[in-house]
């Protein structure tokens, strides 16, 4: 059985921002390979940011191709952070921009700048989990997910993600245990249907 995962995303302004939880979805194919399939993450979305990459007339730094309004927004965010190094809102927006621009190192730098100011920002830690997941680094994704749980033991999304990571690497018993514990402890949680579907797929 092969599991295919894709993080939830939503659109915010000119960029596509990762939701503050991985929410890994399962889809079944006729394979016994338990490695994650990231093909959906490699497809370029059809939004202003990603359409600008396809425009051969708009070139930014590092080979990026950017529409003028996107480049202007990028420069505005950088200037705002330089002017006010405590503006975590702009840091978050810029980090999300880099994440969706497929520049994980830059994204991680700005996410960590936010965590330097408040290491208990679980929303930022969730995005870092997403980042490591997209990079197929499940070991680091697990480490950050456990960090979230250490901060907020009732974070259902983090618990679900931990189970999903276990399922990805073939640890079905561990995944099943975590998901059943969520259903028992939080019977009305917003992921109950997803958890039930996931449990059915690892039988």
Foldseek 3Di string as FASTA:
>chain_A
DEFEWAADWDDDPQAIFGFLFRLTAGDDDPDPQLAYDCVVVPDQDPTQLSVQQVDPVAADPPRRRHDPVVVVLLVVLVVVCVVPVQPLVSLQVNLRSCLSVVNNVSSVVSLVSNCVVPVLPSSSLSVVLVSCVSVVNLVVNLVSLVVNCVSPVLPLRSLQVNLVSCSSVPNNVVSLVSLVVCCVVPVPDPCVVSSVVVNVVSD
